[in-house]
Amino acid sequence: MLCLLFQDALATISEYAEAGITVRGTFVQPNKEPPPGEQKLYLAIEATSELAVQKAKAEITRLIKEELVRLQNSYQPINKGRYTVL
């Protein structure tokens, strides 16, 4: 489901910025090196002008920051309940 939302977001940004955005590379665990001949996961942005690339990059950055703020605001610590000793 998340992957579909991500693909929709990339398609929307691609249309807005008039740039091609492609997911490339391989997922690598944090603090690990990619296998030989592989690169870490990244987004490749291609366009006919530098302005279109900058526009796409700015929109991707904006969406990531917006999502981080949303996640921070939705954090609800788990309340284990209160116990009363009788």
PDB file of N, CA and C in Angstrom:
ATOM      1  N   MET A   1       0.826  -1.197   0.000  1.00  0.00           N
ATOM      2  CA  MET A   1       0.000   0.000   0.000  1.00  0.00           C
ATOM      3  C   MET A   1       0.873   1.264   0.000  1.00  0.00           C
ATOM      4  N   LEU A   2       1.879   1.281   0.884  1.00  0.00           N
ATOM      5  CA  LEU A   2       2.765   2.436   0.955  1.00  0.00           C
ATOM      6  C   LEU A   2       3.482   2.645  -0.371  1.00  0.00           C
ATOM      7  N   CYS A   3       3.868   1.549  -0.989  1.00  0.00           N
ATOM      8  CA  CYS A   3       4.571   1.637  -2.272  1.00  0.00           C
ATOM      9  C   CYS A   3       3.683   2.290  -3.329  1.00  0.00           C
ATOM     10  N   LEU A   4       2.385   1.952  -3.332  1.00  0.00           N
ATOM     11  CA  LEU A   4       1.458   2.549  -4.295  1.00  0.00           C
ATOM     12  C   LEU A   4       1.304   4.050  -4.050  1.00  0.00           C
ATOM     13  N   LEU A   5       1.227   4.452  -2.786  1.00  0.00           N
ATOM     14  CA  LEU A   5       1.126   5.872  -2.456  1.00  0.00           C
ATOM     15  C   LEU A   5       2.388   6.605  -2.892  1.00  0.00           C
ATOM     16  N   PHE A   6       3.531   5.977  -2.689  1.00  0.00           N
ATOM     17  CA  PHE A   6       4.800   6.565  -3.084  1.00  0.00           C
ATOM     18  C   PHE A   6       4.863   6.731  -4.603  1.00  0.00           C
ATOM     19  N   GLN A   7       4.433   5.701  -5.337  1.00  0.00           N
ATOM     20  CA  GLN A   7       4.437   5.773  -6.800  1.00  0.00           C
ATOM     21  C   GLN A   7       3.487   6.866  -7.287  1.00  0.00           C
ATOM     22  N   ASP A   8       2.328   6.996  -6.644  1.00  0.00           N
ATOM     23  CA  ASP A   8       1.380   8.061  -7.009  1.00  0.00           C
ATOM     24  C   ASP A   8       1.991   9.435  -6.762  1.00  0.00           C
ATOM     25  N   ALA A   9       2.674   9.582  -5.634  1.00  0.00           N
ATOM     26  CA  ALA A   9       3.313  10.865  -5.311  1.00  0.00           C
ATOM     27  C   ALA A   9       4.389  11.197  -6.333  1.00  0.00           C
ATOM     28  N   LEU A  10       5.192  10.208  -6.710  1.00  0.00           N
ATOM     29  CA  LEU A  10       6.239  10.444  -7.710  1.00  0.00           C
ATOM     30  C   LEU A  10       5.633  10.806  -9.059  1.00  0.00           C
ATOM     31  N   ALA A  11       4.538  10.148  -9.426  1.00  0.00           N
ATOM     32  CA  ALA A  11       3.887  10.460 -10.697  1.00  0.00           C
ATOM     33  C   ALA A  11       3.349  11.895 -10.686  1.00  0.00           C
ATOM     34  N   THR A  12       2.771  12.307  -9.578  1.00  0.00           N
ATOM     35  CA  THR A  12       2.240  13.665  -9.449  1.00  0.00           C
ATOM     36  C   THR A  12       3.375  14.695  -9.535  1.00  0.00           C
ATOM     37  N   ILE A  13       4.458  14.449  -8.819  1.00  0.00           N
ATOM     38  CA  ILE A  13       5.604  15.363  -8.852  1.00  0.00           C
ATOM     39  C   ILE A  13       6.195  15.410 -10.255  1.00  0.00           C
ATOM     40  N   SER A  14       6.301  14.258 -10.882  1.00  0.00           N
ATOM     41  CA  SER A  14       6.851  14.174 -12.231  1.00  0.00           C
ATOM     42  C   SER A  14       6.043  15.026 -13.204  1.00  0.00           C
ATOM     43  N   GLU A  15       4.724  14.944 -13.090  1.00  0.00           N
ATOM     44  CA  GLU A  15       3.847  15.736 -13.959  1.00  0.00           C
ATOM     45  C   GLU A  15       3.965  17.226 -13.638  1.00  0.00           C
ATOM     46  N   TYR A  16       3.981  17.570 -12.362  1.00  0.00           N
ATOM     47  CA  TYR A  16       4.065  18.957 -11.920  1.00  0.00           C
ATOM     48  C   TYR A  16       5.369  19.615 -12.369  1.00  0.00           C
ATOM     49  N   ALA A  17       6.489  18.894 -12.183  1.00  0.00           N
ATOM     50  CA  ALA A  17       7.795  19.473 -12.462  1.00  0.00           C
ATOM     51  C   ALA A  17       8.262  19.235 -13.893  1.00  0.00           C
ATOM     52  N   GLU A  18       7.510  18.446 -14.642  1.00  0.00           N
ATOM     53  CA  GLU A  18       7.898  18.076 -16.005  1.00  0.00           C
ATOM     54  C   GLU A  18       9.281  17.423 -16.008  1.00  0.00           C
ATOM     55  N   ALA A  19       9.433  16.447 -15.114  1.00  0.00           N
ATOM     56  CA  ALA A  19      10.697  15.722 -14.975  1.00  0.00           C
ATOM     57  C   ALA A  19      10.398  14.245 -14.781  1.00  0.00           C
ATOM     58  N   GLY A  20      11.323  13.419 -15.220  1.00  0.00           N
ATOM     59  CA  GLY A  20      11.196  11.985 -14.994  1.00  0.00           C
ATOM     60  C   GLY A  20      11.875  11.607 -13.685  1.00  0.00           C
ATOM     61  N   ILE A  21      11.170  10.852 -12.851  1.00  0.00           N
ATOM     62  CA  ILE A  21      11.720  10.433 -11.561  1.00  0.00           C
ATOM     63  C   ILE A  21      11.687   8.919 -11.524  1.00  0.00           C
ATOM     64  N   THR A  22      12.861   8.332 -11.282  1.00  0.00           N
ATOM     65  CA  THR A  22      12.982   6.887 -11.276  1.00  0.00           C
ATOM     66  C   THR A  22      13.650   6.436  -9.984  1.00  0.00           C
ATOM     67  N   VAL A  23      13.129   5.363  -9.385  1.00  0.00           N
ATOM     68  CA  VAL A  23      13.751   4.776  -8.200  1.00  0.00           C
ATOM     69  C   VAL A  23      14.815   3.803  -8.693  1.00  0.00           C
ATOM     70  N   ARG A  24      16.040   3.986  -8.215  1.00  0.00           N
ATOM     71  CA  ARG A  24      17.151   3.126  -8.646  1.00  0.00           C
ATOM     72  C   ARG A  24      17.927   2.639  -7.425  1.00  0.00           C
ATOM     73  N   GLY A  25      18.734   1.633  -7.644  1.00  0.00           N
ATOM     74  CA  GLY A  25      19.575   1.099  -6.582  1.00  0.00           C
ATOM     75  C   GLY A  25      18.885   0.007  -5.800  1.00  0.00           C
ATOM     76  N   THR A  26      19.514  -0.387  -4.726  1.00  0.00           N
ATOM     77  CA  THR A  26      19.038  -1.470  -3.886  1.00  0.00           C
ATOM     78  C   THR A  26      18.970  -0.992  -2.443  1.00  0.00           C
ATOM     79  N   PHE A  27      17.939  -1.436  -1.717  1.00  0.00           N
ATOM     80  CA  PHE A  27      17.840  -1.077  -0.307  1.00  0.00           C
ATOM     81  C   PHE A  27      18.989  -1.720   0.449  1.00  0.00           C
ATOM     82  N   VAL A  28      19.649  -0.908   1.280  1.00  0.00           N
ATOM     83  CA  VAL A  28      20.763  -1.379   2.093  1.00  0.00           C
ATOM     84  C   VAL A  28      20.482  -0.964   3.534  1.00  0.00           C
ATOM     85  N   GLN A  29      20.650  -1.880   4.463  1.00  0.00           N
ATOM     86  CA  GLN A  29      20.429  -1.584   5.878  1.00  0.00           C
ATOM     87  C   GLN A  29      21.333  -0.416   6.305  1.00  0.00           C
ATOM     88  N   PRO A  30      20.881   0.403   7.259  1.00  0.00           N
ATOM     89  CA  PRO A  30      21.721   1.502   7.746  1.00  0.00           C
ATOM     90  C   PRO A  30      23.081   0.995   8.232  1.00  0.00           C
ATOM     91  N   ASN A  31      24.107   1.779   7.999  1.00  0.00           N
ATOM     92  CA  ASN A  31      25.488   1.484   8.402  1.00  0.00           C
ATOM     93  C   ASN A  31      26.055   0.235   7.729  1.00  0.00           C
ATOM     94  N   LYS A  32      25.488  -0.159   6.600  1.00  0.00           N
ATOM     95  CA  LYS A  32      26.002  -1.296   5.828  1.00  0.00           C
ATOM     96  C   LYS A  32      26.436  -0.788   4.461  1.00  0.00           C
ATOM     97  N   GLU A  33      27.261  -1.543   3.813  1.00  0.00           N
ATOM     98  CA  GLU A  33      27.702  -1.213   2.464  1.00  0.00           C
ATOM     99  C   GLU A  33      26.899  -2.040   1.463  1.00  0.00           C
ATOM    100  N   PRO A  34      26.601  -1.472   0.293  1.00  0.00           N
ATOM    101  CA  PRO A  34      25.877  -2.253  -0.724  1.00  0.00           C
ATOM    102  C   PRO A  34      26.753  -3.379  -1.271  1.00  0.00           C
ATOM    103  N   PRO A  35      26.138  -4.426  -1.802  1.00  0.00           N
ATOM    104  CA  PRO A  35      26.911  -5.510  -2.408  1.00  0.00           C
ATOM    105  C   PRO A  35      27.764  -4.977  -3.559  1.00  0.00           C
ATOM    106  N   PRO A  36      28.825  -5.661  -3.895  1.00  0.00           N
ATOM    107  CA  PRO A  36      29.675  -5.216  -5.010  1.00  0.00           C
ATOM    108  C   PRO A  36      28.868  -5.051  -6.300  1.00  0.00           C
ATOM    109  N   GLY A  37      29.099  -3.946  -6.982  1.00  0.00           N
ATOM    110  CA  GLY A  37      28.394  -3.671  -8.228  1.00  0.00           C
ATOM    111  C   GLY A  37      27.023  -3.049  -8.055  1.00  0.00           C
ATOM    112  N   GLU A  38      26.595  -2.848  -6.820  1.00  0.00           N
ATOM    113  CA  GLU A  38      25.282  -2.259  -6.529  1.00  0.00           C
ATOM    114  C   GLU A  38      25.465  -0.869  -5.931  1.00  0.00           C
ATOM    115  N   GLN A  39      24.397  -0.063  -6.005  1.00  0.00           N
ATOM    116  CA  GLN A  39      24.381   1.250  -5.354  1.00  0.00           C
ATOM    117  C   GLN A  39      23.243   1.284  -4.359  1.00  0.00           C
ATOM    118  N   LYS A  40      23.374   2.170  -3.357  1.00  0.00           N
ATOM    119  CA  LYS A  40      22.280   2.347  -2.405  1.00  0.00           C
ATOM    120  C   LYS A  40      21.068   2.921  -3.128  1.00  0.00           C
ATOM    121  N   LEU A  41      19.897   2.733  -2.544  1.00  0.00           N
ATOM    122  CA  LEU A  41      18.639   3.209  -3.100  1.00  0.00           C
ATOM    123  C   LEU A  41      18.661   4.732  -3.259  1.00  0.00           C
ATOM    124  N   TYR A  42      18.233   5.225  -4.418  1.00  0.00           N
ATOM    125  CA  TYR A  42      18.186   6.672  -4.650  1.00  0.00           C
ATOM    126  C   TYR A  42      17.147   6.998  -5.715  1.00  0.00           C
ATOM    127  N   LEU A  43      16.796   8.276  -5.812  1.00  0.00           N
ATOM    128  CA  LEU A  43      15.878   8.754  -6.843  1.00  0.00           C
ATOM    129  C   LEU A  43      16.688   9.451  -7.922  1.00  0.00           C
ATOM    130  N   ALA A  44      16.479   9.053  -9.162  1.00  0.00           N
ATOM    131  CA  ALA A  44      17.123   9.711 -10.301  1.00  0.00           C
ATOM    132  C   ALA A  44      16.111  10.671 -10.909  1.00  0.00           C
ATOM    133  N   ILE A  45      16.479  11.938 -10.997  1.00  0.00           N
ATOM    134  CA  ILE A  45      15.596  12.959 -11.568  1.00  0.00           C
ATOM    135  C   ILE A  45      16.200  13.407 -12.889  1.00  0.00           C
ATOM    136  N   GLU A  46      15.429  13.271 -13.963  1.00  0.00           N
ATOM    137  CA  GLU A  46      15.893  13.653 -15.293  1.00  0.00           C
ATOM    138  C   GLU A  46      14.896  14.612 -15.915  1.00  0.00           C
ATOM    139  N   ALA A  47      15.405  15.670 -16.558  1.00  0.00           N
ATOM    140  CA  ALA A  47      14.541  16.649 -17.210  1.00  0.00           C
ATOM    141  C   ALA A  47      15.327  17.363 -18.299  1.00  0.00           C
ATOM    142  N   THR A  48      14.615  18.141 -19.094  1.00  0.00           N
ATOM    143  CA  THR A  48      15.261  18.874 -20.183  1.00  0.00           C
ATOM    144  C   THR A  48      15.863  20.185 -19.705  1.00  0.00           C
ATOM    145  N   SER A  49      15.539  20.602 -18.475  1.00  0.00           N
ATOM    146  CA  SER A  49      16.109  21.849 -17.963  1.00  0.00           C
ATOM    147  C   SER A  49      16.488  21.700 -16.496  1.00  0.00           C
ATOM    148  N   GLU A  50      17.448  22.498 -16.081  1.00  0.00           N
ATOM    149  CA  GLU A  50      17.890  22.504 -14.688  1.00  0.00           C
ATOM    150  C   GLU A  50      16.756  22.951 -13.764  1.00  0.00           C
ATOM    151  N   LEU A  51      15.940  23.888 -14.222  1.00  0.00           N
ATOM    152  CA  LEU A  51      14.816  24.386 -13.432  1.00  0.00           C
ATOM    153  C   LEU A  51      13.839  23.266 -13.109  1.00  0.00           C
ATOM    154  N   ALA A  52      13.550  22.400 -14.061  1.00  0.00           N
ATOM    155  CA  ALA A  52      12.618  21.284 -13.838  1.00  0.00           C
ATOM    156  C   ALA A  52      13.178  20.308 -12.799  1.00  0.00           C
ATOM    157  N   VAL A  53      14.482  20.059 -12.851  1.00  0.00           N
ATOM    158  CA  VAL A  53      15.117  19.173 -11.870  1.00  0.00           C
ATOM    159  C   VAL A  53      15.036  19.796 -10.477  1.00  0.00           C
ATOM    160  N   GLN A  54      15.337  21.081 -10.365  1.00  0.00           N
ATOM    161  CA  GLN A  54      15.266  21.776  -9.079  1.00  0.00           C
ATOM    162  C   GLN A  54      13.843  21.793  -8.536  1.00  0.00           C
ATOM    163  N   LYS A  55      12.872  21.973  -9.415  1.00  0.00           N
ATOM    164  CA  LYS A  55      11.463  21.990  -9.022  1.00  0.00           C
ATOM    165  C   LYS A  55      11.050  20.630  -8.459  1.00  0.00           C
ATOM    166  N   ALA A  56      11.446  19.556  -9.134  1.00  0.00           N
ATOM    167  CA  ALA A  56      11.126  18.203  -8.672  1.00  0.00           C
ATOM    168  C   ALA A  56      11.804  17.911  -7.338  1.00  0.00           C
ATOM    169  N   LYS A  57      13.070  18.277  -7.214  1.00  0.00           N
ATOM    170  CA  LYS A  57      13.817  18.053  -5.982  1.00  0.00           C
ATOM    171  C   LYS A  57      13.186  18.806  -4.815  1.00  0.00           C
ATOM    172  N   ALA A  58      12.806  20.055  -5.045  1.00  0.00           N
ATOM    173  CA  ALA A  58      12.175  20.863  -3.999  1.00  0.00           C
ATOM    174  C   ALA A  58      10.844  20.260  -3.560  1.00  0.00           C
ATOM    175  N   GLU A  59      10.076  19.756  -4.499  1.00  0.00           N
ATOM    176  CA  GLU A  59       8.775  19.170  -4.165  1.00  0.00           C
ATOM    177  C   GLU A  59       8.942  17.855  -3.399  1.00  0.00           C
ATOM    178  N   ILE A  60       9.910  17.050  -3.783  1.00  0.00           N
ATOM    179  CA  ILE A  60      10.184  15.802  -3.061  1.00  0.00           C
ATOM    180  C   ILE A  60      10.607  16.120  -1.633  1.00  0.00           C
ATOM    181  N   THR A  61      11.498  17.085  -1.476  1.00  0.00           N
ATOM    182  CA  THR A  61      11.959  17.495  -0.149  1.00  0.00           C
ATOM    183  C   THR A  61      10.804  18.015   0.690  1.00  0.00           C
ATOM    184  N   ARG A  62       9.939  18.825   0.085  1.00  0.00           N
ATOM    185  CA  ARG A  62       8.785  19.371   0.805  1.00  0.00           C
ATOM    186  C   ARG A  62       7.867  18.251   1.294  1.00  0.00           C
ATOM    187  N   LEU A  63       7.581  17.274   0.438  1.00  0.00           N
ATOM    188  CA  LEU A  63       6.697  16.170   0.820  1.00  0.00           C
ATOM    189  C   LEU A  63       7.300  15.316   1.939  1.00  0.00           C
ATOM    190  N   ILE A  64       8.604  15.080   1.877  1.00  0.00           N
ATOM    191  CA  ILE A  64       9.258  14.298   2.929  1.00  0.00           C
ATOM    192  C   ILE A  64       9.180  15.035   4.262  1.00  0.00           C
ATOM    193  N   LYS A  65       9.469  16.333   4.261  1.00  0.00           N
ATOM    194  CA  LYS A  65       9.406  17.123   5.497  1.00  0.00           C
ATOM    195  C   LYS A  65       7.979  17.160   6.046  1.00  0.00           C
ATOM    196  N   GLU A  66       7.008  17.330   5.151  1.00  0.00           N
ATOM    197  CA  GLU A  66       5.605  17.363   5.560  1.00  0.00           C
ATOM    198  C   GLU A  66       5.203  16.041   6.214  1.00  0.00           C
ATOM    199  N   GLU A  67       5.654  14.932   5.652  1.00  0.00           N
ATOM    200  CA  GLU A  67       5.326  13.618   6.206  1.00  0.00           C
ATOM    201  C   GLU A  67       6.004  13.405   7.553  1.00  0.00           C
ATOM    202  N   LEU A  68       7.240  13.875   7.708  1.00  0.00           N
ATOM    203  CA  LEU A  68       7.926  13.751   8.992  1.00  0.00           C
ATOM    204  C   LEU A  68       7.207  14.534  10.080  1.00  0.00           C
ATOM    205  N   VAL A  69       6.751  15.738   9.752  1.00  0.00           N
ATOM    206  CA  VAL A  69       6.003  16.543  10.720  1.00  0.00           C
ATOM    207  C   VAL A  69       4.700  15.835  11.090  1.00  0.00           C
ATOM    208  N   ARG A  70       4.019  15.286  10.089  1.00  0.00           N
ATOM    209  CA  ARG A  70       2.765  14.561  10.345  1.00  0.00           C
ATOM    210  C   ARG A  70       3.004  13.366  11.265  1.00  0.00           C
ATOM    211  N   LEU A  71       4.086  12.633  11.038  1.00  0.00           N
ATOM    212  CA  LEU A  71       4.399  11.473  11.869  1.00  0.00           C
ATOM    213  C   LEU A  71       4.750  11.896  13.296  1.00  0.00           C
ATOM    214  N   GLN A  72       5.483  12.999  13.436  1.00  0.00           N
ATOM    215  CA  GLN A  72       5.831  13.482  14.778  1.00  0.00           C
ATOM    216  C   GLN A  72       4.584  13.904  15.548  1.00  0.00           C
ATOM    217  N   ASN A  73       3.653  14.549  14.864  1.00  0.00           N
ATOM    218  CA  ASN A  73       2.435  15.027  15.520  1.00  0.00           C
ATOM    219  C   ASN A  73       1.470  13.895  15.846  1.00  0.00           C
ATOM    220  N   SER A  74       1.566  12.779  15.151  1.00  0.00           N
ATOM    221  CA  SER A  74       0.640  11.681  15.389  1.00  0.00           C
ATOM    222  C   SER A  74       1.184  10.673  16.392  1.00  0.00           C
ATOM    223  N   TYR A  75       2.386  10.903  16.915  1.00  0.00           N
ATOM    224  CA  TYR A  75       2.984   9.966  17.868  1.00  0.00           C
ATOM    225  C   TYR A  75       2.156   9.919  19.138  1.00  0.00           C
ATOM    226  N   GLN A  76       1.751   8.738  19.518  1.00  0.00           N
ATOM    227  CA  GLN A  76       0.979   8.537  20.735  1.00  0.00           C
ATOM    228  C   GLN A  76       1.707   7.474  21.564  1.00  0.00           C
ATOM    229  N   PRO A  77       2.321   7.867  22.668  1.00  0.00           N
ATOM    230  CA  PRO A  77       2.999   6.856  23.473  1.00  0.00           C
ATOM    231  C   PRO A  77       2.002   5.822  23.995  1.00  0.00           C
ATOM    232  N   ILE A  78       2.457   4.622  24.111  1.00  0.00           N
ATOM    233  CA  ILE A  78       1.575   3.546  24.584  1.00  0.00           C
ATOM    234  C   ILE A  78       1.400   3.703  26.087  1.00  0.00           C
ATOM    235  N   ASN A  79       0.147   3.863  26.481  1.00  0.00           N
ATOM    236  CA  ASN A  79      -0.170   3.992  27.896  1.00  0.00           C
ATOM    237  C   ASN A  79      -0.486   2.604  28.412  1.00  0.00           C
ATOM    238  N   LYS A  80       0.365   2.114  29.295  1.00  0.00           N
ATOM    239  CA  LYS A  80       0.186   0.753  29.796  1.00  0.00           C
ATOM    240  C   LYS A  80      -0.909   0.677  30.850  1.00  0.00           C
ATOM    241  N   GLY A  81      -1.480   1.799  31.205  1.00  0.00           N
ATOM    242  CA  GLY A  81      -2.544   1.793  32.204  1.00  0.00           C
ATOM    243  C   GLY A  81      -1.988   2.091  33.593  1.00  0.00           C
ATOM    244  N   ARG A  82      -2.898   2.360  34.450  1.00  0.00           N
ATOM    245  CA  ARG A  82      -2.496   2.644  35.823  1.00  0.00           C
ATOM    246  C   ARG A  82      -3.037   1.550  36.723  1.00  0.00           C
ATOM    247  N   TYR A  83      -2.223   1.176  37.650  1.00  0.00           N
ATOM    248  CA  TYR A  83      -2.622   0.143  38.576  1.00  0.00           C
ATOM    249  C   TYR A  83      -2.779   0.734  39.959  1.00  0.00           C
ATOM    250  N   THR A  84      -3.747   0.254  40.673  1.00  0.00           N
ATOM    251  CA  THR A  84      -3.967   0.692  42.049  1.00  0.00           C
ATOM    252  C   THR A  84      -3.698  -0.490  42.964  1.00  0.00           C
ATOM    253  N   VAL A  85      -2.875  -0.264  43.957  1.00  0.00           N
ATOM    254  CA  VAL A  85      -2.581  -1.309  44.922  1.00  0.00           C
ATOM    255  C   VAL A  85      -3.560  -1.154  46.081  1.00  0.00           C
ATOM    256  N   LEU A  86      -4.300  -2.212  46.372  1.00  0.00           N
ATOM    257  CA  LEU A  86      -5.287  -2.163  47.459  1.00  0.00           C
ATOM    258  C   LEU A  86      -4.765  -2.787  48.717  1.00  0.00           C
TER     259      LEU A  86
END
